Amino acid sequence: MIIIMKDNASALQIENVQERLASFGFKTHPIHGEKKTVIGAIGDKRLLSMNEVLMMPGVENVVPIMRPYKLASKELKKEQSIIDVGHNVTVGGKKLAIFAGPCAIESQEQFSTVAKAAKEAGANILRGGAFKPRSSPYSFQGLEADGLKIMHTTGKELDMPICTEVVDTRDVELVASYSDIIQIGARNMQNFKLLREVGKCTNPVLLKRGLASTMEEWLMAAEYIMSEGNENVILCERGIRTYETATRNTFDVSAIPVSKELSHLPIIGDPSHATGTYKYVPPVAKAAIAAGADGLMIEVHNCPEKAASDGPQSLTPEKFAKLMRELEPIAQAVGKEL
């Protein structure tokens, strides 16, 4: 349920409402606006009468949340969330968040080269894979802890936040200590133990859409993270599996406006994994921004033909810089900026 406090509700009244709800086992999530405070309360509504809460001093109204995803719902929070990811970078505001970097970290030299070129072209967040879950057990699996150290060093050197994937609950603490943003990949979107574990961290979480998940399943995965206390979740549309084989996946551009209607969480697009082919990345990236995405995740590699992972979908630094220039008028047309 949502408890809407009166304009003149005191801090003590707000605290009393939270304590009363907590005594019945509800988890409370206060949202302090300019004029009103709204308290999201998650728990068993059968244990506490809504009228009882409505009669408490300072309470203006009590509204049930109809969506199964409570904390991620626009019913709870009307304003779009803006996530602070560190290094003076946010996701969800007017400025677009551009995640760029190689699919896999191969060496310090390789990652530094790509990172510097990406920043020069306008990227404001570095991405890269240290742990690489692959379809084949014989494929390159990543540098793991050594890769995290390379990313961390480069991020500090360039004063940029870094984003990397965690694939195992046992590695969450390690990944969180080296990265600014923890990524949950498509294959792990419904790994509920992993979602709960990253929910206990303070790092923002980038949650990729599952291979064939519905919007509700995706937002319920976000709910798992948020229910543990971490409300800094960023959604990422990376394409879903359909009958089409011309591209690696099918980029669901409609997921961007739909998510904006259903949820207050920011959303970015990943045209690299969606298309699987570098030549399709620019047009799909432009479509994502035109549809209202808060940013993009683009794979960039200085030598795609020799990449250890996903070379065919990676842009060279030159192609990435060209795309960034071409995105500027589209961003301006939808009220965003690079």
Protein backbone atom coordinates (compact mmCIF):
# COMPACT_ATOMS: atom_id res chain seq x y z
CA MET A 1 0.00 0.00 0.00
CA ILE A 2 0.95 3.66 -0.36
CA ILE A 3 0.50 5.98 2.58
CA ILE A 4 0.26 9.61 1.46
CA MET A 5 1.15 12.00 4.28
CA LYS A 6 -0.36 15.47 4.60
CA ASP A 7 1.59 18.54 3.49
CA ASN A 8 2.15 19.59 7.08
CA ALA A 9 2.94 16.12 8.46
CA SER A 10 5.76 16.30 10.97
CA ALA A 11 8.85 14.10 11.02
CA LEU A 12 7.52 12.48 14.20
CA GLN A 13 4.18 11.63 12.57
CA ILE A 14 5.97 10.07 9.59
CA GLU A 15 8.17 8.07 11.96
CA ASN A 16 5.13 6.91 13.97
CA VAL A 17 3.42 5.62 10.82
CA GLN A 18 6.55 3.71 9.82
CA GLU A 19 6.90 2.20 13.29
CA ARG A 20 3.25 1.16 13.32
CA LEU A 21 3.60 -0.53 9.94
CA ALA A 22 6.85 -2.22 10.96
CA SER A 23 5.16 -3.67 14.06
CA PHE A 24 2.86 -5.59 11.70
CA GLY A 25 5.78 -6.87 9.62
CA PHE A 26 5.62 -4.31 6.82
CA LYS A 27 8.77 -3.06 5.13
CA THR A 28 8.52 0.69 4.65
CA HIS A 29 10.10 2.84 1.96
CA PRO A 30 9.60 6.58 2.50
CA ILE A 31 9.87 8.89 -0.50
CA HIS A 32 10.29 12.53 0.45
CA GLY A 33 8.97 14.93 -2.18
CA GLU A 34 9.03 18.71 -2.23
CA LYS A 35 5.55 18.98 -0.71
CA LYS A 36 4.56 15.53 0.49
CA THR A 37 6.11 12.39 1.91
CA VAL A 38 4.84 9.10 0.53
CA ILE A 39 5.49 5.84 2.36
CA GLY A 40 5.49 2.60 0.40
CA ALA A 41 4.56 -0.31 2.66
CA ILE A 42 5.12 -3.89 1.55
CA GLY A 43 3.57 -6.67 3.59
CA ASP A 44 0.44 -8.73 4.24
CA LYS A 45 -2.51 -6.30 4.00
CA ARG A 46 -4.71 -8.74 5.90
CA LEU A 47 -2.78 -8.04 9.10
CA LEU A 48 -3.55 -4.34 9.25
CA SER A 49 -6.68 -2.39 8.39
CA MET A 50 -6.18 0.42 5.90
CA ASN A 51 -8.68 2.46 7.91
CA GLU A 52 -6.49 2.09 10.99
CA VAL A 53 -3.58 3.65 9.13
CA LEU A 54 -5.83 6.32 7.62
CA MET A 55 -6.84 7.47 11.11
CA MET A 56 -3.26 8.06 12.26
CA PRO A 57 -2.18 11.71 12.71
CA GLY A 58 -0.59 13.21 9.60
CA VAL A 59 -2.02 10.64 7.16
CA GLU A 60 -3.95 12.04 4.20
CA ASN A 61 -4.78 8.89 2.25
CA VAL A 62 -4.00 5.19 1.88
CA VAL A 63 -3.92 3.70 -1.62
CA PRO A 64 -3.41 0.01 -2.48
CA ILE A 65 -0.69 -0.83 -5.00
CA MET A 66 -2.26 -3.00 -7.66
CA ARG A 67 0.88 -4.05 -9.51
CA PRO A 68 2.67 -7.20 -8.28
CA TYR A 69 5.94 -5.26 -8.43
CA LYS A 70 5.44 -2.73 -5.66
CA LEU A 71 8.73 -0.87 -5.23
CA ALA A 72 9.47 -0.67 -8.96
CA SER A 73 5.98 0.53 -9.79
CA LYS A 74 5.05 4.00 -10.98
CA GLU A 75 2.13 3.71 -8.56
CA LEU A 76 4.57 4.11 -5.69
CA LYS A 77 6.76 6.79 -7.23
CA LYS A 78 5.46 9.04 -9.98
CA GLU A 79 8.73 10.85 -10.66
CA GLN A 80 11.41 9.13 -12.73
CA SER A 81 14.27 7.86 -10.59
CA ILE A 82 17.74 9.25 -11.21
CA ILE A 83 20.51 6.87 -10.13
CA ASP A 84 23.84 8.26 -8.96
CA VAL A 85 26.54 5.85 -10.16
CA GLY A 86 29.54 7.82 -8.90
CA HIS A 87 32.15 10.11 -10.48
CA ASN A 88 29.44 12.80 -10.96
CA VAL A 89 27.53 10.56 -13.39
CA THR A 90 23.82 9.76 -13.16
CA VAL A 91 21.46 7.49 -15.07
CA GLY A 92 17.91 8.66 -15.67
CA GLY A 93 18.32 12.41 -15.89
CA LYS A 94 18.54 14.73 -18.85
CA LYS A 95 22.09 13.67 -19.71
CA LEU A 96 22.32 10.32 -21.46
CA ALA A 97 24.37 7.58 -19.82
CA ILE A 98 26.66 5.96 -22.38
CA PHE A 99 28.23 2.68 -21.25
CA ALA A 100 31.07 1.69 -23.57
CA GLY A 101 33.89 -0.81 -23.63
CA PRO A 102 34.83 -4.31 -24.78
CA CYS A 103 32.73 -7.39 -24.15
CA ALA A 104 35.68 -8.99 -22.35
CA ILE A 105 38.73 -7.51 -20.66
CA GLU A 106 41.72 -9.13 -22.33
CA SER A 107 44.67 -7.13 -20.95
CA GLN A 108 45.50 -3.82 -19.29
CA GLU A 109 46.73 -2.42 -22.60
CA GLN A 110 43.62 -3.47 -24.51
CA PHE A 111 41.17 -2.13 -21.92
CA SER A 112 43.04 1.15 -21.40
CA THR A 113 43.21 1.76 -25.15
CA VAL A 114 39.48 1.21 -25.62
CA ALA A 115 38.52 3.11 -22.46
CA LYS A 116 40.49 6.22 -23.41
CA ALA A 117 39.02 6.23 -26.91
CA ALA A 118 35.50 5.72 -25.54
CA LYS A 119 35.85 8.61 -23.10
CA GLU A 120 37.25 10.88 -25.78
CA ALA A 121 34.22 10.11 -27.98
CA GLY A 122 31.78 10.98 -25.19
CA ALA A 123 31.17 7.82 -23.15
CA ASN A 124 30.74 8.50 -19.43
CA ILE A 125 30.65 4.92 -18.05
CA LEU A 126 33.07 2.07 -18.76
CA ARG A 127 31.79 -1.45 -19.30
CA GLY A 128 33.69 -4.70 -19.62
CA GLY A 129 33.47 -8.36 -18.71
CA ALA A 130 35.76 -9.93 -16.11
CA PHE A 131 33.54 -12.99 -15.56
CA LYS A 132 32.22 -14.20 -18.90
CA PRO A 133 29.45 -16.83 -18.84
CA ARG A 134 29.51 -18.34 -22.31
CA SER A 135 27.30 -20.76 -24.20
CA SER A 136 30.29 -23.07 -24.65
CA PRO A 137 32.43 -24.20 -21.69
CA TYR A 138 35.43 -24.13 -24.05
CA SER A 139 35.11 -20.42 -24.89
CA PHE A 140 37.11 -17.68 -23.16
CA GLN A 141 35.65 -17.27 -19.67
CA GLY A 142 37.27 -13.97 -18.72
CA LEU A 143 40.20 -12.87 -16.56
CA GLU A 144 38.00 -12.86 -13.44
CA ALA A 145 39.69 -11.13 -10.46
CA ASP A 146 42.57 -9.89 -12.61
CA GLY A 147 40.06 -8.35 -14.99
CA LEU A 148 38.34 -6.56 -12.12
CA LYS A 149 41.66 -5.04 -11.06
CA ILE A 150 42.34 -3.84 -14.60
CA MET A 151 38.91 -2.19 -14.79
CA HIS A 152 39.27 -0.61 -11.37
CA THR A 153 42.70 0.84 -12.19
CA THR A 154 41.51 2.27 -15.51
CA GLY A 155 38.34 3.70 -13.99
CA LYS A 156 40.35 5.56 -11.35
CA GLU A 157 42.83 6.80 -13.94
CA LEU A 158 40.07 8.20 -16.19
CA ASP A 159 37.74 9.22 -13.34
CA MET A 160 34.89 7.14 -14.79
CA PRO A 161 32.47 4.70 -13.13
CA ILE A 162 32.76 1.08 -14.22
CA CYS A 163 30.11 -1.57 -14.81
CA THR A 164 30.78 -5.29 -14.86
CA GLU A 165 28.80 -8.49 -14.49
CA VAL A 166 28.57 -10.82 -11.52
CA VAL A 167 27.47 -14.40 -12.19
CA ASP A 168 27.82 -16.12 -8.82
CA THR A 169 26.57 -15.25 -5.34
CA ARG A 170 30.04 -16.09 -3.99
CA ASP A 171 31.58 -13.30 -6.09
CA VAL A 172 29.16 -10.47 -5.25
CA GLU A 173 31.32 -8.96 -2.50
CA LEU A 174 34.43 -9.14 -4.71
CA VAL A 175 32.76 -7.55 -7.73
CA ALA A 176 31.11 -4.88 -5.57
CA SER A 177 34.48 -3.89 -4.10
CA TYR A 178 36.02 -3.21 -7.53
CA SER A 179 33.07 -1.86 -9.54
CA ASP A 180 30.67 1.06 -9.34
CA ILE A 181 27.74 -0.70 -11.05
CA ILE A 182 26.99 -4.42 -10.79
CA GLN A 183 25.48 -6.00 -13.89
CA ILE A 184 23.04 -8.90 -13.82
CA GLY A 185 23.13 -10.57 -17.21
CA ALA A 186 20.15 -11.84 -19.20
CA ARG A 187 20.77 -15.47 -18.26
CA ASN A 188 20.68 -14.57 -14.57
CA MET A 189 17.64 -12.29 -14.60
CA GLN A 190 15.66 -14.87 -12.64
CA ASN A 191 18.52 -16.17 -10.52
CA PHE A 192 16.66 -15.11 -7.40
CA LYS A 193 19.43 -15.90 -4.94
CA LEU A 194 21.82 -13.73 -6.94
CA LEU A 195 19.22 -10.94 -7.15
CA ARG A 196 18.75 -10.99 -3.39
CA GLU A 197 22.49 -10.94 -2.82
CA VAL A 198 23.12 -7.87 -4.98
CA GLY A 199 20.09 -6.31 -3.30
CA LYS A 200 22.10 -6.28 -0.08
CA CYS A 201 24.83 -4.16 -1.72
CA THR A 202 24.82 -0.39 -2.04
CA ASN A 203 26.16 -0.46 -5.62
CA PRO A 204 23.67 0.44 -8.36
CA VAL A 205 22.54 -2.65 -10.28
CA LEU A 206 22.12 -2.88 -14.05
CA LEU A 207 19.46 -5.52 -14.70
CA LYS A 208 19.34 -6.92 -18.21
CA ARG A 209 16.09 -8.32 -19.57
CA GLY A 210 15.92 -12.11 -19.78
CA LEU A 211 16.14 -13.95 -23.09
CA ALA A 212 12.36 -14.38 -23.35
CA SER A 213 10.95 -12.57 -20.34
CA THR A 214 7.80 -10.48 -20.19
CA MET A 215 7.81 -6.93 -18.88
CA GLU A 216 6.20 -8.11 -15.65
CA GLU A 217 8.79 -10.85 -15.12
CA TRP A 218 11.55 -8.31 -15.70
CA LEU A 219 10.11 -5.81 -13.22
CA MET A 220 9.51 -8.58 -10.69
CA ALA A 221 13.22 -9.40 -10.96
CA ALA A 222 13.94 -5.75 -10.17
CA GLU A 223 11.57 -6.09 -7.22
CA TYR A 224 13.70 -8.91 -5.79
CA ILE A 225 16.71 -6.58 -5.71
CA MET A 226 14.77 -3.63 -4.33
CA SER A 227 13.05 -5.70 -1.63
CA GLU A 228 16.46 -6.29 -0.05
CA GLY A 229 17.03 -2.55 0.33
CA ASN A 230 18.88 -1.62 -2.86
CA GLU A 231 16.54 0.63 -4.83
CA ASN A 232 19.21 1.77 -7.31
CA VAL A 233 18.19 -0.45 -10.23
CA ILE A 234 18.75 0.37 -13.90
CA LEU A 235 16.86 -1.65 -16.51
CA CYS A 236 18.56 -2.72 -19.75
CA GLU A 237 16.70 -3.87 -22.86
CA ARG A 238 19.14 -6.13 -24.74
CA GLY A 239 16.83 -7.92 -27.13
CA ILE A 240 14.67 -11.00 -26.66
CA ARG A 241 14.61 -14.34 -28.42
CA THR A 242 12.01 -14.65 -31.18
CA TYR A 243 11.67 -16.72 -34.34
CA GLU A 244 13.83 -14.20 -36.25
CA THR A 245 17.38 -15.31 -37.12
CA ALA A 246 18.61 -12.30 -39.11
CA THR A 247 19.84 -10.74 -35.87
CA ARG A 248 21.21 -12.27 -32.69
CA ASN A 249 18.08 -11.20 -30.78
CA THR A 250 15.08 -8.99 -31.49
CA PHE A 251 15.43 -5.51 -29.97
CA ASP A 252 12.10 -4.67 -28.35
CA VAL A 253 12.05 -0.90 -28.78
CA SER A 254 8.51 -0.80 -27.38
CA ALA A 255 9.89 -2.02 -24.03
CA ILE A 256 11.34 1.48 -23.49
CA PRO A 257 8.07 3.49 -23.49
CA VAL A 258 6.21 0.63 -21.78
CA SER A 259 8.73 0.53 -18.93
CA LYS A 260 8.45 4.31 -18.58
CA GLU A 261 4.70 3.92 -18.12
CA LEU A 262 4.90 1.03 -15.66
CA SER A 263 8.01 1.89 -13.64
CA HIS A 264 10.01 4.82 -12.33
CA LEU A 265 13.31 2.98 -12.93
CA PRO A 266 15.62 4.31 -15.65
CA ILE A 267 16.14 2.17 -18.74
CA ILE A 268 18.98 1.92 -21.26
CA GLY A 269 19.27 0.02 -24.55
CA ASP A 270 21.94 -2.49 -25.56
CA PRO A 271 21.94 -2.63 -29.38
CA SER A 272 25.17 -4.63 -29.46
CA HIS A 273 23.75 -7.79 -27.87
CA ALA A 274 20.39 -7.20 -29.53
CA THR A 275 21.69 -7.24 -33.09
CA GLY A 276 24.92 -9.21 -32.84
CA THR A 277 26.28 -7.36 -35.88
CA TYR A 278 28.19 -4.08 -35.75
CA LYS A 279 26.50 -2.55 -38.81
CA TYR A 280 23.06 -2.76 -37.17
CA VAL A 281 24.20 -1.20 -33.89
CA PRO A 282 24.01 2.50 -34.93
CA PRO A 283 20.42 2.48 -36.30
CA VAL A 284 19.09 0.49 -33.33
CA ALA A 285 20.97 2.77 -30.91
CA LYS A 286 19.30 5.79 -32.52
CA ALA A 287 15.89 4.12 -32.29
CA ALA A 288 16.40 3.48 -28.56
CA ILE A 289 17.21 7.12 -27.85
CA ALA A 290 14.31 8.31 -30.01
CA ALA A 291 12.00 6.01 -28.00
CA GLY A 292 13.06 7.64 -24.74
CA ALA A 293 15.92 5.49 -23.40
CA ASP A 294 18.05 7.03 -20.67
CA GLY A 295 21.24 5.72 -22.24
CA LEU A 296 22.99 3.02 -24.21
CA MET A 297 25.44 0.17 -23.69
CA ILE A 298 27.74 -0.16 -26.70
CA GLU A 299 30.51 -2.69 -27.18
CA VAL A 300 33.70 -1.08 -28.43
CA HIS A 301 36.95 -2.89 -29.31
CA ASN A 302 40.15 -1.56 -30.85
CA CYS A 303 40.56 -4.72 -32.94
CA PRO A 304 37.17 -6.52 -33.25
CA GLU A 305 38.48 -9.20 -35.60
CA LYS A 306 40.82 -10.41 -32.84
CA ALA A 307 38.41 -9.95 -29.90
CA ALA A 308 38.21 -12.82 -27.43
CA SER A 309 34.44 -12.36 -27.21
CA ASP A 310 31.70 -10.86 -29.41
CA GLY A 311 33.96 -9.22 -31.98
CA PRO A 312 31.30 -9.21 -34.74
CA GLN A 313 29.02 -6.89 -32.73
CA SER A 314 31.74 -4.51 -31.52
CA LEU A 315 32.30 -1.06 -32.96
CA THR A 316 35.80 0.24 -33.55
CA PRO A 317 36.64 3.46 -31.66
CA GLU A 318 36.23 5.36 -34.94
CA LYS A 319 32.75 3.93 -35.60
CA PHE A 320 31.76 4.61 -32.00
CA ALA A 321 32.86 8.25 -32.25
CA LYS A 322 30.85 8.61 -35.46
CA LEU A 323 27.76 7.15 -33.78
CA MET A 324 28.10 9.57 -30.86
CA ARG A 325 28.12 12.53 -33.27
CA GLU A 326 25.05 11.19 -35.06
CA LEU A 327 23.17 10.72 -31.77
CA GLU A 328 23.40 14.39 -30.80
CA PRO A 329 20.46 15.74 -32.86
CA ILE A 330 18.27 12.77 -31.85
CA ALA A 331 19.03 13.33 -28.17
CA GLN A 332 18.18 17.02 -28.50
CA ALA A 333 14.91 16.21 -30.26
CA VAL A 334 13.70 14.18 -27.25
CA GLY A 335 14.96 16.60 -24.62
CA LYS A 336 18.18 14.77 -23.77
CA GLU A 337 21.85 15.64 -24.15
CA LEU A 338 25.12 13.78 -24.58
